[in-house]
């Protein structure tokens, strides 16, 4: 049974792959001479550079990592006092409401999740930039509009992805800190 996070990441990865394939099938690739004459043509180097230097590529992974680590760190006092872990991915048996894995194993799982999120985000940004490049090649007179729509799409999706992957963890971490203080746990 896939978790909400796994479902979300699969959906994003699938949509990014489909977008890339559609764009590559229909993209007007310019010859080397046309590329030199018109800097607005499709350039894989420019697309890759755009993905690498775009903060929306990294934001969902970093925010998710921070939120999940806060949740994990704030749960540790409870585990030391006999509480069980609800999330099956962080239990010894792989079933919910069981003994939590060690701190290091949990941290490693969170790091793996973060790398998966980074890969999905990079694939999504790549597909967005490929679509943008294809649109720029087709409508060079609307460069500013195409670029603006691209930024809106990438920022919007990164924000949505960050929220979906982190909101519950931040909420749980806040609850854990308050409850631990009330119980006198350290």
C-alpha atoms as a PDB file:
ATOM      1  CA  UNK A   1       0.000   0.000   0.000  1.00  0.00           C
ATOM      2  CA  UNK A   2       1.536   3.296  -1.103  1.00  0.00           C
ATOM      3  CA  UNK A   3       1.606   6.238   1.265  1.00  0.00           C
ATOM      4  CA  UNK A   4       0.242   9.619   0.296  1.00  0.00           C
ATOM      5  CA  UNK A   5       3.780  10.915  -0.197  1.00  0.00           C
ATOM      6  CA  UNK A   6       4.741   8.010  -2.464  1.00  0.00           C
ATOM      7  CA  UNK A   7       1.554   8.439  -4.503  1.00  0.00           C
ATOM      8  CA  UNK A   8       2.218  12.181  -4.856  1.00  0.00           C
ATOM      9  CA  UNK A   9       5.814  11.650  -5.984  1.00  0.00           C
ATOM     10  CA  UNK A  10       4.836   8.952  -8.499  1.00  0.00           C
ATOM     11  CA  UNK A  11       2.167  11.227  -9.951  1.00  0.00           C
ATOM     12  CA  UNK A  12       4.622  14.114 -10.330  1.00  0.00           C
ATOM     13  CA  UNK A  13       7.312  11.917 -11.855  1.00  0.00           C
ATOM     14  CA  UNK A  14       4.863  10.381 -14.315  1.00  0.00           C
ATOM     15  CA  UNK A  15       3.496  13.763 -15.362  1.00  0.00           C
ATOM     16  CA  UNK A  16       7.034  15.125 -15.803  1.00  0.00           C
ATOM     17  CA  UNK A  17       8.056  12.171 -17.981  1.00  0.00           C
ATOM     18  CA  UNK A  18       4.932  12.468 -20.135  1.00  0.00           C
ATOM     19  CA  UNK A  19       5.500  16.213 -20.534  1.00  0.00           C
ATOM     20  CA  UNK A  20       9.132  15.648 -21.581  1.00  0.00           C
ATOM     21  CA  UNK A  21       8.139  13.032 -24.139  1.00  0.00           C
ATOM     22  CA  UNK A  22       5.392  15.225 -25.611  1.00  0.00           C
ATOM     23  CA  UNK A  23       7.672  18.224 -25.879  1.00  0.00           C
ATOM     24  CA  UNK A  24      10.573  16.291 -27.333  1.00  0.00           C
ATOM     25  CA  UNK A  25       8.263  14.723 -29.921  1.00  0.00           C
ATOM     26  CA  UNK A  26       7.006  18.138 -31.045  1.00  0.00           C
ATOM     27  CA  UNK A  27       9.922  20.471 -30.273  1.00  0.00           C
ATOM     28  CA  UNK A  28      11.365  22.336 -33.243  1.00  0.00           C
ATOM     29  CA  UNK A  29      15.071  21.573 -32.946  1.00  0.00           C
ATOM     30  CA  UNK A  30      17.218  24.169 -34.618  1.00  0.00           C
ATOM     31  CA  UNK A  31      20.347  23.404 -36.595  1.00  0.00           C
ATOM     32  CA  UNK A  32      23.694  24.567 -35.271  1.00  0.00           C
ATOM     33  CA  UNK A  33      23.667  27.544 -37.644  1.00  0.00           C
ATOM     34  CA  UNK A  34      20.117  28.551 -36.632  1.00  0.00           C
ATOM     35  CA  UNK A  35      21.101  28.242 -32.955  1.00  0.00           C
ATOM     36  CA  UNK A  36      23.942  30.702 -33.464  1.00  0.00           C
ATOM     37  CA  UNK A  37      21.648  33.132 -35.290  1.00  0.00           C
ATOM     38  CA  UNK A  38      18.777  32.899 -32.808  1.00  0.00           C
ATOM     39  CA  UNK A  39      19.600  32.541 -29.109  1.00  0.00           C
ATOM     40  CA  UNK A  40      15.936  31.821 -28.354  1.00  0.00           C
ATOM     41  CA  UNK A  41      16.017  28.347 -29.937  1.00  0.00           C
ATOM     42  CA  UNK A  42      15.992  25.119 -28.010  1.00  0.00           C
ATOM     43  CA  UNK A  43      19.239  24.485 -26.136  1.00  0.00           C
ATOM     44  CA  UNK A  44      19.588  21.433 -23.915  1.00  0.00           C
ATOM     45  CA  UNK A  45      22.514  23.098 -22.118  1.00  0.00           C
ATOM     46  CA  UNK A  46      20.388  26.124 -21.313  1.00  0.00           C
ATOM     47  CA  UNK A  47      17.556  23.917 -20.081  1.00  0.00           C
ATOM     48  CA  UNK A  48      19.856  21.873 -17.833  1.00  0.00           C
ATOM     49  CA  UNK A  49      21.561  25.016 -16.524  1.00  0.00           C
ATOM     50  CA  UNK A  50      18.130  26.481 -15.784  1.00  0.00           C
ATOM     51  CA  UNK A  51      17.128  23.399 -13.788  1.00  0.00           C
ATOM     52  CA  UNK A  52      20.391  23.329 -11.837  1.00  0.00           C
ATOM     53  CA  UNK A  53      20.318  27.005 -10.849  1.00  0.00           C
ATOM     54  CA  UNK A  54      16.565  27.211 -10.197  1.00  0.00           C
ATOM     55  CA  UNK A  55      15.736  27.343  -6.458  1.00  0.00           C
ATOM     56  CA  UNK A  56      12.380  25.676  -7.143  1.00  0.00           C
ATOM     57  CA  UNK A  57      14.337  22.510  -7.967  1.00  0.00           C
ATOM     58  CA  UNK A  58      15.688  22.277  -4.418  1.00  0.00           C
ATOM     59  CA  UNK A  59      13.023  23.940  -2.261  1.00  0.00           C
ATOM     60  CA  UNK A  60      10.585  21.008  -1.964  1.00  0.00           C
ATOM     61  CA  UNK A  61      13.359  18.598  -0.950  1.00  0.00           C
ATOM     62  CA  UNK A  62      14.926  20.989   1.572  1.00  0.00           C
ATOM     63  CA  UNK A  63      11.621  21.984   3.142  1.00  0.00           C
ATOM     64  CA  UNK A  64      10.455  18.376   3.315  1.00  0.00           C
ATOM     65  CA  UNK A  65      13.760  17.312   4.886  1.00  0.00           C
ATOM     66  CA  UNK A  66      13.542  20.051   7.509  1.00  0.00           C
ATOM     67  CA  UNK A  67       9.931  19.221   8.378  1.00  0.00           C
ATOM     68  CA  UNK A  68      10.466  15.463   8.549  1.00  0.00           C
ATOM     69  CA  UNK A  69      13.645  15.791  10.628  1.00  0.00           C
ATOM     70  CA  UNK A  70      11.860  18.112  13.070  1.00  0.00           C
ATOM     71  CA  UNK A  71       9.097  15.532  13.393  1.00  0.00           C
ATOM     72  CA  UNK A  72      11.620  12.710  13.799  1.00  0.00           C
ATOM     73  CA  UNK A  73      13.763  14.599  16.315  1.00  0.00           C
ATOM     74  CA  UNK A  74      10.772  15.722  18.380  1.00  0.00           C
ATOM     75  CA  UNK A  75       9.465  12.113  18.477  1.00  0.00           C
ATOM     76  CA  UNK A  76      12.615  10.689  20.037  1.00  0.00           C
ATOM     77  CA  UNK A  77      11.710  11.513  23.687  1.00  0.00           C
ATOM     78  CA  UNK A  78       8.465   9.587  23.244  1.00  0.00           C
ATOM     79  CA  UNK A  79      10.233   6.547  21.812  1.00  0.00           C
ATOM     80  CA  UNK A  80      12.641   6.564  24.755  1.00  0.00           C
ATOM     81  CA  UNK A  81       9.613   6.485  27.069  1.00  0.00           C
ATOM     82  CA  UNK A  82       7.887   3.494  25.454  1.00  0.00           C
ATOM     83  CA  UNK A  83       5.649   5.119  22.852  1.00  0.00           C
ATOM     84  CA  UNK A  84       5.227   3.482  19.449  1.00  0.00           C
ATOM     85  CA  UNK A  85       5.580   4.908  15.944  1.00  0.00           C
ATOM     86  CA  UNK A  86       2.438   5.330  13.853  1.00  0.00           C
ATOM     87  CA  UNK A  87       4.175   5.598  10.460  1.00  0.00           C
ATOM     88  CA  UNK A  88       4.859   2.044   9.236  1.00  0.00           C
ATOM     89  CA  UNK A  89       7.885   3.217   7.233  1.00  0.00           C
ATOM     90  CA  UNK A  90       9.647   4.028  10.501  1.00  0.00           C
ATOM     91  CA  UNK A  91       8.849   0.871  12.473  1.00  0.00           C
ATOM     92  CA  UNK A  92      10.955  -2.226  12.962  1.00  0.00           C
ATOM     93  CA  UNK A  93       8.206  -4.551  11.694  1.00  0.00           C
ATOM     94  CA  UNK A  94       7.006  -2.316   8.860  1.00  0.00           C
ATOM     95  CA  UNK A  95       3.535  -2.144  10.414  1.00  0.00           C
ATOM     96  CA  UNK A  96       1.955   0.925  12.025  1.00  0.00           C
ATOM     97  CA  UNK A  97       1.849   1.381  15.797  1.00  0.00           C
ATOM     98  CA  UNK A  98       4.987  -0.601  16.492  1.00  0.00           C
ATOM     99  CA  UNK A  99       8.491  -0.035  17.841  1.00  0.00           C
ATOM    100  CA  UNK A 100      10.312   2.728  16.009  1.00  0.00           C
ATOM    101  CA  UNK A 101      13.514   2.081  14.106  1.00  0.00           C
ATOM    102  CA  UNK A 102      16.720   3.550  15.518  1.00  0.00           C
ATOM    103  CA  UNK A 103      17.407   7.250  15.119  1.00  0.00           C
ATOM    104  CA  UNK A 104      20.102   6.620  12.486  1.00  0.00           C
ATOM    105  CA  UNK A 105      17.907   4.288  10.424  1.00  0.00           C
ATOM    106  CA  UNK A 106      15.083   6.850  10.528  1.00  0.00           C
ATOM    107  CA  UNK A 107      17.433   9.659   9.527  1.00  0.00           C
ATOM    108  CA  UNK A 108      18.738   7.574   6.627  1.00  0.00           C
ATOM    109  CA  UNK A 109      15.163   6.871   5.477  1.00  0.00           C
ATOM    110  CA  UNK A 110      14.424  10.602   5.587  1.00  0.00           C
ATOM    111  CA  UNK A 111      17.563  11.301   3.538  1.00  0.00           C
ATOM    112  CA  UNK A 112      16.490   8.705   0.928  1.00  0.00           C
ATOM    113  CA  UNK A 113      13.053  10.327   0.773  1.00  0.00           C
ATOM    114  CA  UNK A 114      14.689  13.725   0.319  1.00  0.00           C
ATOM    115  CA  UNK A 115      16.786  12.489  -2.597  1.00  0.00           C
ATOM    116  CA  UNK A 116      13.667  10.996  -4.204  1.00  0.00           C
ATOM    117  CA  UNK A 117      11.867  14.306  -3.807  1.00  0.00           C
ATOM    118  CA  UNK A 118      14.854  16.152  -5.292  1.00  0.00           C
ATOM    119  CA  UNK A 119      14.856  13.822  -8.307  1.00  0.00           C
ATOM    120  CA  UNK A 120      11.132  14.254  -8.828  1.00  0.00           C
ATOM    121  CA  UNK A 121      11.393  18.019  -8.494  1.00  0.00           C
ATOM    122  CA  UNK A 122      14.307  18.146 -10.948  1.00  0.00           C
ATOM    123  CA  UNK A 123      12.375  16.006 -13.461  1.00  0.00           C
ATOM    124  CA  UNK A 124       9.353  18.276 -13.114  1.00  0.00           C
ATOM    125  CA  UNK A 125      11.485  21.400 -13.589  1.00  0.00           C
ATOM    126  CA  UNK A 126      13.153  19.798 -16.606  1.00  0.00           C
ATOM    127  CA  UNK A 127       9.785  19.102 -18.209  1.00  0.00           C
ATOM    128  CA  UNK A 128       8.618  22.634 -17.424  1.00  0.00           C
ATOM    129  CA  UNK A 129      11.705  24.127 -19.025  1.00  0.00           C
ATOM    130  CA  UNK A 130      11.392  21.882 -22.076  1.00  0.00           C
ATOM    131  CA  UNK A 131       7.814  23.051 -22.559  1.00  0.00           C
ATOM    132  CA  UNK A 132       8.983  26.638 -22.067  1.00  0.00           C
ATOM    133  CA  UNK A 133      11.746  26.195 -24.656  1.00  0.00           C
ATOM    134  CA  UNK A 134       9.313  24.700 -27.157  1.00  0.00           C
ATOM    135  CA  UNK A 135       6.894  27.577 -26.612  1.00  0.00           C
ATOM    136  CA  UNK A 136       9.685  30.134 -26.972  1.00  0.00           C
ATOM    137  CA  UNK A 137      10.746  28.549 -30.248  1.00  0.00           C
ATOM    138  CA  UNK A 138       7.184  28.596 -31.502  1.00  0.00           C
ATOM    139  CA  UNK A 139       6.224  32.039 -30.165  1.00  0.00           C
ATOM    140  CA  UNK A 140       9.445  34.107 -29.967  1.00  0.00           C
ATOM    141  CA  UNK A 141       7.454  37.348 -29.991  1.00  0.00           C
ATOM    142  CA  UNK A 142       5.874  36.405 -26.628  1.00  0.00           C
ATOM    143  CA  UNK A 143       9.101  35.703 -24.744  1.00  0.00           C
ATOM    144  CA  UNK A 144       8.165  37.649 -21.618  1.00  0.00           C
ATOM    145  CA  UNK A 145       4.737  36.001 -21.311  1.00  0.00           C
ATOM    146  CA  UNK A 146       6.139  32.491 -21.810  1.00  0.00           C
ATOM    147  CA  UNK A 147       8.924  33.074 -19.261  1.00  0.00           C
ATOM    148  CA  UNK A 148       6.452  34.519 -16.744  1.00  0.00           C
ATOM    149  CA  UNK A 149       4.069  31.595 -17.109  1.00  0.00           C
ATOM    150  CA  UNK A 150       7.011  29.201 -16.688  1.00  0.00           C
ATOM    151  CA  UNK A 151       8.058  30.869 -13.443  1.00  0.00           C
ATOM    152  CA  UNK A 152       4.492  30.891 -12.145  1.00  0.00           C
ATOM    153  CA  UNK A 153       4.136  27.187 -12.931  1.00  0.00           C
ATOM    154  CA  UNK A 154       7.443  26.205 -11.302  1.00  0.00           C
ATOM    155  CA  UNK A 155       6.925  28.348  -8.196  1.00  0.00           C
ATOM    156  CA  UNK A 156       3.327  27.194  -7.842  1.00  0.00           C
ATOM    157  CA  UNK A 157       4.179  23.524  -8.157  1.00  0.00           C
ATOM    158  CA  UNK A 158       7.197  23.799  -5.831  1.00  0.00           C
ATOM    159  CA  UNK A 159       4.988  25.538  -3.260  1.00  0.00           C
ATOM    160  CA  UNK A 160       2.242  22.938  -3.549  1.00  0.00           C
ATOM    161  CA  UNK A 161       4.718  20.085  -3.398  1.00  0.00           C
ATOM    162  CA  UNK A 162       6.503  21.605  -0.389  1.00  0.00           C
ATOM    163  CA  UNK A 163       3.247  22.111   1.464  1.00  0.00           C
ATOM    164  CA  UNK A 164       1.935  18.603   0.759  1.00  0.00           C
ATOM    165  CA  UNK A 165       5.198  16.988   1.826  1.00  0.00           C
ATOM    166  CA  UNK A 166       5.847  19.056   4.949  1.00  0.00           C
ATOM    167  CA  UNK A 167       2.711  20.537   6.544  1.00  0.00           C
ATOM    168  CA  UNK A 168       1.741  17.424   8.515  1.00  0.00           C
ATOM    169  CA  UNK A 169       5.327  16.983   9.764  1.00  0.00           C
ATOM    170  CA  UNK A 170       5.587  20.581  10.991  1.00  0.00           C
ATOM    171  CA  UNK A 171       2.223  20.212  12.719  1.00  0.00           C
ATOM    172  CA  UNK A 172       3.263  16.929  14.342  1.00  0.00           C
ATOM    173  CA  UNK A 173       6.615  18.362  15.439  1.00  0.00           C
ATOM    174  CA  UNK A 174       4.858  21.296  17.111  1.00  0.00           C
ATOM    175  CA  UNK A 175       2.478  18.926  18.852  1.00  0.00           C
ATOM    176  CA  UNK A 176       5.382  16.687  19.944  1.00  0.00           C
ATOM    177  CA  UNK A 177       7.332  19.593  21.452  1.00  0.00           C
ATOM    178  CA  UNK A 178       4.299  20.862  23.379  1.00  0.00           C
ATOM    179  CA  UNK A 179       3.313  17.406  24.626  1.00  0.00           C
ATOM    180  CA  UNK A 180       6.906  16.501  25.609  1.00  0.00           C
ATOM    181  CA  UNK A 181       7.142  19.731  27.610  1.00  0.00           C
ATOM    182  CA  UNK A 182       3.863  18.915  29.377  1.00  0.00           C
ATOM    183  CA  UNK A 183       5.074  15.399  30.249  1.00  0.00           C
ATOM    184  CA  UNK A 184       8.533  16.597  31.297  1.00  0.00           C
ATOM    185  CA  UNK A 185      10.362  14.622  28.590  1.00  0.00           C
ATOM    186  CA  UNK A 186      13.676  15.791  27.247  1.00  0.00           C
END
